Structures are given as structure tokens and as C-alpha cells.
Amino acid sequence: AVEESRVEATCTTDGSYNLVVYCETCGEEVSRETVVIPATGHTPAEAVEESRVEATCTTDGSYDLVVYCETCGEVVSRETVVIPATGHNYGEPVWSWNGFESAEVTLTCPNGCGETEVLPATITSETTEAGLATAGKTVYTATATDEEGNTYTDTKEEAIAPTFIIKQNHSLLVDGRIGVNYLVQFAGEVENPVMTAWHMQEDGEWIKTEVAGEQNLTEDGEWDGRYVFTYMVAAPEMAHTIYCTFAATMNGAEVATDAENPFTYSVQEYLDGRMQKSKNEKMRTLAAYLATYGAYAQLYFGINTDNLANANVETLYGKVELNPDVVNMDAAETVDTDSIETETAHIVGHALALEAATALSYTITLDDETMLPNAYLAYRVAGSESAFRYAKVYRVPKADGSTKLAAFIEDIKGPELTDAYEAYVCVKNGDAYEQISYTTVYSPECYMAGRLKKSSNEILKNTMIALKMYCDAARDYFGLDA
């Protein structure tokens, strides 16, 4: 049999062909059979999305999922999928307060529909009362809820001023001494403001001082509404914590801050703040050098060496290299033997007391110690025309338990450490002072130079160098001649 008249099947219709038998001899058709080819059916492709309509906030959207036959391309199936309405998707709430009494929140849909909703809020509050020196506050909370149960909140604070001290600031003593000015603004008019301040000394004893407040004046001499309280420390005590409380009469009543919770501060804390925040490079240098001097003084005296005043200098300012060339090594005492004919008193030694403001001590001998009650050291800055000042001669203890006679030029400020002093011993007779020793000229820098030349104690030498570097930085900052 041979195949003839073939028609292929499609997806939906049958095909067919004929099987024909011919005579091998004459060629005539003997038989013919028609064979059916069954329809193949559709071959579904991947569904594709058509006719998409996006949902809005309030109406559903839809799209069709359509399956086509890979062979003939006819639609095999079509399914409509519903996209639910999105609902309003409100953005950040915008709050509107009417004082602290009421508030409302406005919700705006950012989806383009422009829908807004304004919800009234309920107000609750919580108050933290102010203390004598701590501010209080009332926190108001507004709460609103929409129809879907979503809750919105906002807060607003109302400050309550302290009842005694509103604000406290600090500054370094502007004359170059070592210490802190406490600048205090009280909550109202006060009388007799007093600061009680204390810190621990090297012997473990607490030193407590009462300081009366003075009105802080502007450059124009006007009171700026604050009181200033000044507290000084010795050079090795810059890292010591200073504790203080304040008291005054306000509205006829005695008011004082809590002694059990004193304010705390330190010179080191102030210097660190200046190095970190000041834009004045001269101030930053002064702070770094003063902290360095304080640290070497701590090491020399063995005071609080686990907490050195310069602990943060390298981080906040940079490394400070000690420069011995800053000390005038030619500085030395001069003695005017022509100042009187005969000495009955003698200046035999000098030393620097590294206190809050450096003191220059004079060791004195008297040929007749019955003169001691009337003995004084007369002194003034050498070369000046100022009147002499007079420091009492005292008997003071020595480290070995004995005593000596000494007088002190006190309150030598940082920028003044290069000043030389002409001085002599005198006795007071009525209102007159009679000179009884030669006149000498000596300066703190003479002492520094002497220690650098003679001392084998490297820490003492470094302390002297750091002190002179601080002096020069102070003179530069305060605009004095270097």
C-alpha cells in the first residue's frame, strides 16, 4: 500500500491520508483505506498579563492573565485578576499646636489622590519639678487615632527654670593665675551670694574656702546679671576635682544648693575644653602649656600622679616638646652694695613657691632678731617708678623641723614671671621704713636658670622649663612683650 492525499491534523481538526493498494501487473487500484490523524490539541504557553488597570486608593484595579497556544496562537484561557484598592497611605503627620492646650494632626495621602484628614488630639502632660539649680520641664503629649485604629503622637516641652541658680559657666582667671571663675546667674535678686568650695590637698586633708560673689561687669562697666566667684589652686592641683555649693538670701529667705550633691569642676576640665573648642590658637597654646606645667609640678611634688593635668594635651592640641632655650640662662641676682653703708640684715636665699599665683620667697637673716616684729621686705618691679610695697618678715618652719626668717612677694601672675624685683630688708618705725640691707635685683627666671644649671633633678628642671613656656604663652595671649 502507498500513502496518498495526506492532510495534516491541526490543534482543533483531524487530518487524514489514504492507503492505496495497486495491482503489480496492470497497475489498477485494488483497494483504498482512509486513515484519520487525530487533532493535536493546543500547546499552552506561559501566561501573559494584559489589559492592566492600576488600583487607586478607593477603587480596585485588574489585569488579565492570558494563555496562548504555542502552535496556533489561539487563546487557550483568560483569567481576570482583581488588584485591591490600596487605601489611603498617609505620609508623615503634620502637627499643629495651640499653645499647650490643644493640638490636631493633618494626614495627607501621597499617592496622588490629594486626600487629607484632620484628626483632633487629646493632650496629657507629665511634669518634672525644677530644683534649686536644675531645670524642670512639663512634657505635653498629643495623641490622635484614625478610623483604622492607627495612633499618632507628638510631644512638646515647656521648660521650668531652676528656683535658685539658672545657669553656671566657667572661665580661666583672666590675669594668668591658676584657678577658675564660676559665673553664676541666679533665678532672682539675691543678697550676700557665697560659694563654698573645697578640694583635697596632697596630705589628704580637705581645704575648704568661702568665696563671696561679686557682680560680673562687662567691658563697659555694666553688670551682666551674673556673679563671679574665684577659686584658685596650686600648680600641682590642676587635675584635682573642685567641689562647690552656693548660698544666698533670696526673697528674704536663706537658700543653698545641696551640700550632698555639690557641683564639680577642675582646672584640667577647663583647659581641655579650651584646647578642644577654642578657635583662638593663642588660647589653645596657653591651655596646653599650662596643663603641661601642672603635670610636671604634679610629678615633682608627687601629687595625684595617676591623673596628670596634661593627660589629654596630645589628643586635643598636639605633642608639647619642652624647650630649655626659653629660659634666660644669664638671669642672675645682682646686689647693690652701695645702697647703704652697713648691713644689719641680709637676703641669703630665694625660692619659688608654685602656688595658684607663683610666690617668690626671700630667706633673710637679721643681726638683731629683736627687730623681727618690725621687719619687712620692701619690693617693686625693677626699673619702675612705682612705690615700694612691703611684705612682712615671718619666722617659718623648714622641712627639717627648724625655722628660718622669710618674706614673700606673692600673687606673681603667669605673665609676670619674667619681671625682676628690686628688694631690700627694712624696719618700720612709725610710718617710715628704714633700709637695713643691700638692695638686690632678682626674678623668678633667675631661680629657673639657677635650677637648670645646678639641679640634678630632671623633673624639677622640666618643671622650670614648662613654667617658663607657660609664662611666655600667657604673655603672648595677654598681649604683653615677650
Protein backbone atom coordinates (compact mmCIF):
# COMPACT_ATOMS: atom_id res chain seq x y z
CA ALA A 1 0.00 0.00 0.00
CA VAL A 2 1.11 3.54 -0.68
CA GLU A 3 0.08 6.76 1.22
CA GLU A 4 -1.78 9.37 -0.75
CA SER A 5 -3.75 12.60 -0.21
CA ARG A 6 -2.23 13.39 3.24
CA VAL A 7 -3.79 16.31 5.18
CA GLU A 8 -2.02 17.16 8.48
CA ALA A 9 -4.04 17.47 11.69
CA THR A 10 -4.24 20.83 13.44
CA CYS A 11 -4.80 21.75 17.10
CA THR A 12 -8.57 21.54 16.65
CA THR A 13 -9.25 19.48 13.46
CA ASP A 14 -8.34 15.94 12.43
CA GLY A 15 -6.13 15.25 9.44
CA SER A 16 -6.11 12.14 7.18
CA TYR A 17 -4.36 10.17 4.44
CA ASN A 18 -5.27 7.28 2.09
CA LEU A 19 -3.58 3.87 1.98
CA VAL A 20 -3.97 2.66 -1.66
CA VAL A 21 -3.14 -0.84 -2.99
CA TYR A 22 -2.31 -1.12 -6.74
CA CYS A 23 -2.02 -4.26 -8.91
CA GLU A 24 1.61 -5.01 -9.62
CA THR A 25 0.67 -6.38 -13.07
CA CYS A 26 -1.80 -3.95 -14.52
CA GLY A 27 -1.49 -1.06 -12.14
CA GLU A 28 -5.14 -0.77 -11.36
CA GLU A 29 -6.30 0.27 -7.87
CA VAL A 30 -7.15 -2.79 -5.85
CA SER A 31 -8.22 -1.03 -2.55
CA ARG A 32 -8.22 2.39 -0.83
CA GLU A 33 -8.42 3.00 3.00
CA THR A 34 -8.74 6.43 4.59
CA VAL A 35 -6.73 6.81 7.83
CA VAL A 36 -7.71 9.62 10.28
CA ILE A 37 -4.92 11.69 12.01
CA PRO A 38 -6.39 12.95 15.36
CA ALA A 39 -6.35 16.68 16.13
CA THR A 40 -3.21 17.50 18.24
CA GLY A 41 -4.92 19.83 20.78
CA HIS A 42 -3.46 23.20 21.94
CA THR A 43 0.03 23.51 23.50
CA PRO A 44 -0.30 26.23 26.27
CA ALA A 45 2.45 28.82 26.51
CA GLU A 46 3.38 30.83 29.65
CA ALA A 47 0.56 33.10 30.78
CA VAL A 48 0.97 36.76 29.88
CA GLU A 49 -0.52 39.85 31.57
CA GLU A 50 -2.86 42.05 29.52
CA SER A 51 -5.27 44.93 29.98
CA ARG A 52 -3.81 46.13 33.30
CA VAL A 53 -5.72 48.86 35.12
CA GLU A 54 -3.98 50.10 38.30
CA ALA A 55 -5.85 50.26 41.57
CA THR A 56 -6.36 53.62 43.23
CA CYS A 57 -6.80 54.48 46.92
CA THR A 58 -10.57 53.82 46.67
CA THR A 59 -11.20 51.60 43.55
CA ASP A 60 -9.98 48.16 42.57
CA GLY A 61 -7.76 47.66 39.55
CA SER A 62 -7.39 44.48 37.42
CA TYR A 63 -5.40 42.67 34.76
CA ASP A 64 -5.95 39.57 32.58
CA LEU A 65 -3.74 36.53 32.70
CA VAL A 66 -3.97 35.11 29.12
CA VAL A 67 -2.63 31.73 27.95
CA TYR A 68 -1.99 31.35 24.20
CA CYS A 69 -1.33 28.18 22.23
CA GLU A 70 2.32 27.95 21.25
CA THR A 71 1.35 26.28 17.98
CA CYS A 72 -1.60 28.17 16.60
CA GLY A 73 -1.64 31.26 18.72
CA GLU A 74 -5.28 30.96 19.74
CA VAL A 75 -6.40 31.91 23.28
CA VAL A 76 -6.41 28.85 25.46
CA SER A 77 -7.60 30.64 28.65
CA ARG A 78 -8.18 34.13 30.06
CA GLU A 79 -8.40 34.91 33.80
CA THR A 80 -9.20 38.34 35.21
CA VAL A 81 -7.21 39.14 38.39
CA VAL A 82 -8.50 41.87 40.72
CA ILE A 83 -6.00 44.39 42.23
CA PRO A 84 -7.50 45.53 45.55
CA ALA A 85 -7.84 49.25 46.17
CA THR A 86 -4.71 50.44 48.06
CA GLY A 87 -6.49 52.57 50.59
CA HIS A 88 -5.01 55.91 51.66
CA ASN A 89 -1.36 55.62 52.68
CA TYR A 90 -0.90 58.74 54.75
CA GLY A 91 2.60 60.17 54.90
CA GLU A 92 4.32 61.93 57.82
CA PRO A 93 1.76 63.53 60.11
CA VAL A 94 1.86 67.32 60.37
CA TRP A 95 1.07 68.60 63.86
CA SER A 96 -0.43 71.94 64.78
CA TRP A 97 -0.42 73.06 68.42
CA ASN A 98 -2.46 75.80 70.01
CA GLY A 99 -0.14 76.65 72.90
CA PHE A 100 -0.09 73.63 75.16
CA GLU A 101 -3.89 73.34 75.44
CA SER A 102 -4.88 71.61 72.19
CA ALA A 103 -3.44 70.11 69.03
CA GLU A 104 -4.51 68.47 65.78
CA VAL A 105 -2.76 66.35 63.22
CA THR A 106 -3.17 66.61 59.44
CA LEU A 107 -2.72 63.44 57.40
CA THR A 108 -2.15 63.76 53.64
CA CYS A 109 -2.14 60.84 51.22
CA PRO A 110 0.98 60.99 49.00
CA ASN A 111 -0.47 58.63 46.35
CA GLY A 112 -1.75 61.49 44.20
CA CYS A 113 -5.38 61.45 45.29
CA GLY A 114 -4.95 64.56 47.38
CA GLU A 115 -7.00 63.14 50.26
CA THR A 116 -6.37 64.80 53.65
CA GLU A 117 -7.70 64.00 57.09
CA VAL A 118 -7.54 66.24 60.13
CA LEU A 119 -7.75 64.50 63.49
CA PRO A 120 -8.21 66.25 66.84
CA ALA A 121 -5.83 65.12 69.59
CA THR A 122 -6.17 64.57 73.30
CA ILE A 123 -3.48 66.18 75.50
CA THR A 124 -1.79 64.60 78.52
CA SER A 125 1.14 66.03 80.50
CA GLU A 126 3.87 64.95 82.89
CA THR A 127 5.89 67.44 84.96
CA THR A 128 9.38 67.15 86.39
CA GLU A 129 9.71 69.87 89.00
CA ALA A 130 12.68 72.23 88.89
CA GLY A 131 15.30 72.04 91.61
CA LEU A 132 17.41 74.78 93.14
CA ALA A 133 19.96 74.52 90.33
CA THR A 134 18.39 72.08 87.89
CA ALA A 135 15.77 72.97 85.30
CA GLY A 136 12.46 71.19 85.32
CA LYS A 137 10.04 70.63 82.46
CA THR A 138 6.50 69.70 81.56
CA VAL A 139 6.17 67.25 78.68
CA TYR A 140 2.83 67.52 76.84
CA THR A 141 1.81 64.52 74.71
CA ALA A 142 -0.81 64.81 71.95
CA THR A 143 -2.49 61.56 70.83
CA ALA A 144 -4.83 61.09 67.83
CA THR A 145 -6.39 57.91 66.35
CA ASP A 146 -7.79 57.45 62.83
CA GLU A 147 -10.73 55.25 61.73
CA GLU A 148 -8.43 52.29 61.09
CA GLY A 149 -7.13 52.42 64.63
CA ASN A 150 -3.74 53.89 63.75
CA THR A 151 -2.36 56.07 66.55
CA TYR A 152 -0.31 59.23 66.08
CA THR A 153 1.60 61.05 68.86
CA ASP A 154 3.62 64.21 69.24
CA THR A 155 5.30 65.85 72.25
CA LYS A 156 6.11 69.40 73.22
CA GLU A 157 8.14 70.56 76.22
CA GLU A 158 7.80 73.60 78.43
CA ALA A 159 10.93 74.42 80.42
CA ILE A 160 10.72 75.31 84.09
CA ALA A 161 13.59 77.47 85.31
CA PRO A 162 15.55 76.44 88.41
CA THR A 163 14.35 78.15 91.54
CA PHE A 164 17.80 79.34 92.65
CA ILE A 165 20.59 79.01 90.05
CA ILE A 166 19.55 79.33 86.41
CA LYS A 167 22.94 78.97 84.75
CA GLN A 168 26.57 78.34 85.61
CA ASN A 169 29.58 78.96 83.36
CA HIS A 170 33.32 78.92 83.89
CA SER A 171 36.37 80.82 82.73
CA LEU A 172 40.08 80.80 83.43
CA LEU A 173 41.31 83.67 85.59
CA VAL A 174 41.94 86.41 83.05
CA ASP A 175 45.07 87.70 84.83
CA GLY A 176 47.00 84.47 84.28
CA ARG A 177 46.71 82.99 87.76
CA ILE A 178 45.76 79.34 88.13
CA GLY A 179 42.14 78.84 89.02
CA VAL A 180 38.57 79.02 87.86
CA ASN A 181 35.96 81.75 87.73
CA TYR A 182 32.45 80.46 88.41
CA LEU A 183 29.95 82.73 86.63
CA VAL A 184 26.53 82.20 88.17
CA GLN A 185 23.14 83.59 87.16
CA PHE A 186 20.56 83.37 89.93
CA ALA A 187 16.83 82.99 89.42
CA GLY A 188 16.07 86.33 91.02
CA GLU A 189 17.56 89.12 93.08
CA VAL A 190 19.91 87.82 95.75
CA GLU A 191 21.87 89.21 98.65
CA ASN A 192 25.19 88.02 100.04
CA PRO A 193 25.86 85.26 97.48
CA VAL A 194 28.57 82.91 98.71
CA MET A 195 30.32 79.92 97.14
CA THR A 196 31.77 77.28 99.41
CA ALA A 197 34.43 75.35 97.53
CA TRP A 198 36.83 72.61 98.54
CA HIS A 199 39.34 70.14 97.19
CA MET A 200 41.66 67.54 98.67
CA GLN A 201 45.24 68.56 99.35
CA GLU A 202 48.25 66.31 98.85
CA ASP A 203 48.25 65.35 102.53
CA GLY A 204 44.71 64.00 102.24
CA GLU A 205 43.21 66.95 104.09
CA TRP A 206 40.31 68.86 102.60
CA ILE A 207 40.79 72.58 102.13
CA LYS A 208 37.51 74.48 102.22
CA THR A 209 37.11 78.12 101.27
CA GLU A 210 34.19 80.53 101.28
CA VAL A 211 34.20 82.98 98.39
CA ALA A 212 31.89 85.99 98.24
CA GLY A 213 30.32 86.64 94.87
CA GLU A 214 30.94 89.87 93.03
CA GLN A 215 28.91 91.35 90.21
CA ASN A 216 30.44 90.39 86.87
CA LEU A 217 31.00 93.54 84.82
CA THR A 218 31.21 93.94 81.06
CA GLU A 219 33.99 95.89 79.35
CA ASP A 220 31.71 98.94 79.64
CA GLY A 221 31.45 98.50 83.39
CA GLU A 222 27.85 97.28 83.25
CA TRP A 223 26.67 94.35 85.35
CA ASP A 224 25.74 91.45 83.06
CA GLY A 225 23.38 89.89 85.62
CA ARG A 226 25.86 87.25 86.79
CA TYR A 227 28.00 86.92 89.89
CA VAL A 228 31.61 85.78 89.69
CA PHE A 229 33.25 83.54 92.29
CA THR A 230 37.00 82.92 92.02
CA TYR A 231 38.72 79.78 93.29
CA MET A 232 42.47 79.24 92.93
CA VAL A 233 44.55 76.07 93.22
CA ALA A 234 48.26 75.35 93.45
CA ALA A 235 50.13 74.32 90.30
CA PRO A 236 50.16 70.57 91.19
CA GLU A 237 46.40 70.66 91.85
CA MET A 238 45.10 71.48 88.37
CA ALA A 239 43.71 67.95 87.95
CA HIS A 240 42.08 67.96 91.40
CA THR A 241 38.30 67.93 91.45
CA ILE A 242 36.87 71.13 92.92
CA TYR A 243 33.58 70.71 94.77
CA CYS A 244 31.35 73.69 95.44
CA THR A 245 27.94 74.78 96.66
CA PHE A 246 26.20 78.14 96.54
CA ALA A 247 24.11 80.03 99.06
CA ALA A 248 22.39 83.43 99.16
CA THR A 249 19.44 85.30 100.56
CA MET A 250 16.55 85.32 98.08
CA ASN A 251 13.16 86.88 98.77
CA GLY A 252 14.09 87.20 102.41
CA ALA A 253 14.92 83.50 102.85
CA GLU A 254 18.24 81.68 103.06
CA VAL A 255 18.66 79.39 100.06
CA ALA A 256 21.51 76.95 99.42
CA THR A 257 22.26 74.17 96.98
CA ASP A 258 22.52 70.61 98.25
CA ALA A 259 25.82 70.02 100.07
CA GLU A 260 25.39 66.28 99.47
CA ASN A 261 25.37 66.83 95.70
CA PRO A 262 27.93 69.58 95.06
CA PHE A 263 28.90 70.93 91.67
CA THR A 264 32.22 69.53 90.40
CA TYR A 265 34.84 71.02 88.12
CA SER A 266 38.62 71.25 87.69
CA VAL A 267 41.20 73.48 86.04
CA GLN A 268 42.10 70.49 83.84
CA GLU A 269 38.49 70.22 82.64
CA TYR A 270 38.53 73.90 81.67
CA LEU A 271 41.89 73.61 79.87
CA ASP A 272 40.72 70.51 77.97
CA GLY A 273 37.63 72.42 76.88
CA ARG A 274 39.70 75.35 75.60
CA MET A 275 42.05 73.09 73.63
CA GLN A 276 39.10 71.27 72.09
CA LYS A 277 36.75 74.16 71.31
CA SER A 278 38.62 77.47 71.16
CA LYS A 279 39.31 78.98 67.75
CA ASN A 280 41.95 81.26 69.31
CA GLU A 281 45.27 79.46 68.76
CA LYS A 282 46.97 81.55 71.45
CA MET A 283 44.39 80.41 73.98
CA ARG A 284 44.82 76.79 72.91
CA THR A 285 48.60 77.11 73.32
CA LEU A 286 48.22 78.78 76.73
CA ALA A 287 45.92 75.96 77.85
CA ALA A 288 48.28 73.24 76.58
CA TYR A 289 51.38 74.79 78.18
CA LEU A 290 49.62 75.47 81.48
CA ALA A 291 48.40 71.84 81.61
CA THR A 292 51.95 70.67 80.83
CA TYR A 293 53.38 72.82 83.63
CA GLY A 294 50.74 71.46 86.00
CA ALA A 295 51.65 67.86 85.09
CA TYR A 296 55.38 68.38 85.77
CA ALA A 297 54.54 70.10 89.05
CA GLN A 298 52.48 67.02 89.97
CA LEU A 299 55.40 64.74 89.14
CA TYR A 300 57.88 66.89 91.05
CA PHE A 301 55.76 67.06 94.18
CA GLY A 302 54.39 63.51 93.80
CA ILE A 303 50.77 64.70 93.84
CA ASN A 304 47.93 62.87 92.07
CA THR A 305 50.37 61.40 89.55
CA ASP A 306 47.80 58.88 88.29
CA ASN A 307 45.75 61.75 86.88
CA LEU A 308 48.12 64.22 85.24
CA ALA A 309 46.81 67.59 84.11
CA ASN A 310 48.22 67.09 80.59
CA ALA A 311 46.62 63.66 80.03
CA ASN A 312 44.60 64.93 77.04
CA VAL A 313 47.01 67.53 75.65
CA GLU A 314 48.46 65.40 72.84
CA THR A 315 44.98 64.36 71.68
CA LEU A 316 43.38 67.80 71.87
CA TYR A 317 46.32 70.05 70.98
CA GLY A 318 49.35 68.06 69.87
CA LYS A 319 52.60 66.96 71.43
CA VAL A 320 54.30 69.63 73.55
CA GLU A 321 58.09 69.49 73.35
CA LEU A 322 59.95 71.11 76.24
CA ASN A 323 62.38 73.78 75.03
CA PRO A 324 65.09 74.72 77.55
CA ASP A 325 66.13 77.66 75.37
CA VAL A 326 63.12 79.63 76.58
CA VAL A 327 64.88 80.23 79.93
CA ASN A 328 67.39 83.08 80.02
CA MET A 329 70.39 81.26 81.46
CA ASP A 330 72.15 84.60 82.07
CA ALA A 331 69.48 85.69 84.55
CA ALA A 332 71.15 86.12 87.95
CA GLU A 333 70.86 88.13 91.13
CA THR A 334 72.59 91.48 91.35
CA VAL A 335 73.44 93.19 94.65
CA ASP A 336 73.91 96.92 95.07
CA THR A 337 76.47 97.19 97.88
CA ASP A 338 76.37 100.96 97.63
CA SER A 339 72.69 101.16 98.56
CA ILE A 340 73.54 101.54 102.28
CA GLU A 341 76.77 101.84 104.24
CA THR A 342 76.31 98.98 106.69
CA GLU A 343 74.02 95.94 106.55
CA THR A 344 72.28 94.74 109.67
CA ALA A 345 70.06 92.34 107.69
CA HIS A 346 70.88 90.06 104.81
CA ILE A 347 69.00 88.44 101.92
CA VAL A 348 70.62 84.99 101.76
CA GLY A 349 68.39 82.93 99.51
CA HIS A 350 65.42 82.71 97.18
CA ALA A 351 62.87 80.12 96.12
CA LEU A 352 59.74 79.84 94.01
CA ALA A 353 56.55 78.65 95.68
CA LEU A 354 54.47 77.08 92.90
CA GLU A 355 51.10 78.10 94.25
CA ALA A 356 47.99 79.38 92.49
CA ALA A 357 49.92 82.51 91.65
CA THR A 358 53.65 81.95 91.90
CA ALA A 359 55.29 83.41 95.03
CA LEU A 360 58.93 84.44 95.27
CA SER A 361 60.31 83.78 98.75
CA TYR A 362 63.29 85.56 100.29
CA THR A 363 65.29 83.94 103.07
CA ILE A 364 66.52 86.64 105.46
CA THR A 365 68.86 86.88 108.43
CA LEU A 366 68.84 89.68 111.00
CA ASP A 367 71.89 90.62 113.04
CA ASP A 368 69.50 91.53 115.83
CA GLU A 369 66.35 89.37 115.83
CA THR A 370 64.62 91.73 118.22
CA MET A 371 63.95 93.73 115.05
CA LEU A 372 61.74 90.88 113.69
CA PRO A 373 58.34 92.35 114.76
CA ASN A 374 59.08 95.44 112.67
CA ALA A 375 61.00 93.79 109.82
CA TYR A 376 59.66 93.98 106.26
CA LEU A 377 60.80 93.27 102.72
CA ALA A 378 60.41 96.32 100.50
CA TYR A 379 60.00 95.47 96.82
CA ARG A 380 58.89 96.76 93.43
CA VAL A 381 59.41 95.83 89.79
CA ALA A 382 62.98 96.77 88.93
CA GLY A 383 63.33 99.89 86.85
CA SER A 384 59.79 101.06 87.57
CA GLU A 385 58.82 104.31 89.23
CA SER A 386 56.09 102.66 91.29
CA ALA A 387 56.06 102.95 95.06
CA PHE A 388 57.62 100.18 97.08
CA ARG A 389 55.35 97.58 98.58
CA TYR A 390 56.07 95.89 101.88
CA ALA A 391 55.88 92.22 102.82
CA LYS A 392 56.15 91.20 106.48
CA VAL A 393 59.12 89.09 107.54
CA TYR A 394 57.96 85.94 109.33
CA ARG A 395 59.55 83.01 111.10
CA VAL A 396 58.54 79.98 109.05
CA PRO A 397 59.16 76.23 109.54
CA LYS A 398 61.72 74.33 107.46
CA ALA A 399 61.47 70.75 106.28
CA ASP A 400 63.98 69.57 108.91
CA GLY A 401 61.90 70.98 111.77
CA SER A 402 63.95 74.10 112.31
CA THR A 403 62.84 77.61 111.36
CA LYS A 404 64.05 80.48 109.23
CA LEU A 405 63.09 84.07 108.55
CA ALA A 406 61.35 84.69 105.24
CA ALA A 407 59.23 87.17 103.32
CA PHE A 408 57.17 86.55 100.22
CA ILE A 409 56.38 88.50 97.09
CA GLU A 410 53.01 86.91 96.49
CA ASP A 411 50.49 86.89 93.65
CA ILE A 412 53.06 86.86 90.85
CA LYS A 413 50.87 86.05 87.88
CA GLY A 414 51.83 83.85 84.95
CA PRO A 415 52.67 86.68 82.53
CA GLU A 416 54.83 88.39 85.22
CA LEU A 417 57.35 85.59 85.79
CA THR A 418 60.00 87.44 83.77
CA ASP A 419 59.69 90.58 85.91
CA ALA A 420 62.70 91.28 88.13
CA TYR A 421 62.19 92.82 91.57
CA GLU A 422 64.46 95.21 93.41
CA ALA A 423 64.13 94.47 97.09
CA TYR A 424 65.71 95.17 100.45
CA VAL A 425 65.03 94.46 104.11
CA CYS A 426 63.79 97.35 106.21
CA VAL A 427 62.39 98.07 109.67
CA LYS A 428 59.26 100.07 110.23
CA ASN A 429 59.48 102.99 112.61
CA GLY A 430 56.13 104.77 112.80
CA ASP A 431 55.15 105.49 109.21
CA ALA A 432 58.71 105.34 107.94
CA TYR A 433 60.68 102.33 106.64
CA GLU A 434 64.46 102.29 107.23
CA GLN A 435 66.57 100.22 104.83
CA ILE A 436 68.89 97.78 106.67
CA SER A 437 70.14 95.51 103.85
CA TYR A 438 71.69 95.92 100.44
CA THR A 439 69.30 96.25 97.53
CA THR A 440 69.10 93.13 95.38
CA VAL A 441 67.55 92.56 91.97
CA TYR A 442 66.13 89.09 91.43
CA SER A 443 63.42 87.48 89.30
CA PRO A 444 61.60 84.16 89.13
CA GLU A 445 63.56 83.50 85.93
CA CYS A 446 66.80 83.82 87.95
CA TYR A 447 65.54 80.92 90.06
CA MET A 448 64.63 78.90 86.96
CA ALA A 449 68.08 79.46 85.44
CA GLY A 450 69.74 78.50 88.70
CA ARG A 451 67.83 75.24 88.92
CA LEU A 452 68.66 74.36 85.30
CA LYS A 453 72.36 75.00 85.98
CA LYS A 454 72.73 73.33 89.35
CA SER A 455 69.97 70.77 89.91
CA SER A 456 70.43 67.10 89.07
CA ASN A 457 66.67 66.53 89.35
CA GLU A 458 65.42 66.24 85.77
CA ILE A 459 61.77 66.53 86.81
CA LEU A 460 62.49 69.83 88.60
CA LYS A 461 64.33 71.08 85.51
CA ASN A 462 61.41 70.11 83.28
CA THR A 463 59.03 71.84 85.70
CA MET A 464 61.04 75.07 85.38
CA ILE A 465 61.08 74.85 81.57
CA ALA A 466 57.34 74.15 81.43
CA LEU A 467 56.70 77.06 83.82
CA LYS A 468 58.66 79.44 81.56
CA MET A 469 56.87 78.15 78.45
CA TYR A 470 53.55 78.80 80.21
CA CYS A 471 54.79 82.29 81.17
CA ASP A 472 55.67 83.11 77.54
CA ALA A 473 52.34 81.73 76.27
CA ALA A 474 50.49 83.82 78.86
CA ARG A 475 52.39 86.97 77.85
CA ASP A 476 51.58 86.26 74.21
CA TYR A 477 47.90 85.67 74.95
CA PHE A 478 47.54 88.77 77.12
CA GLY A 479 49.38 90.93 74.59
CA LEU A 480 52.46 91.64 76.71
CA ASP A 481 56.01 91.98 75.39
CA ALA A 482 57.68 88.59 75.08
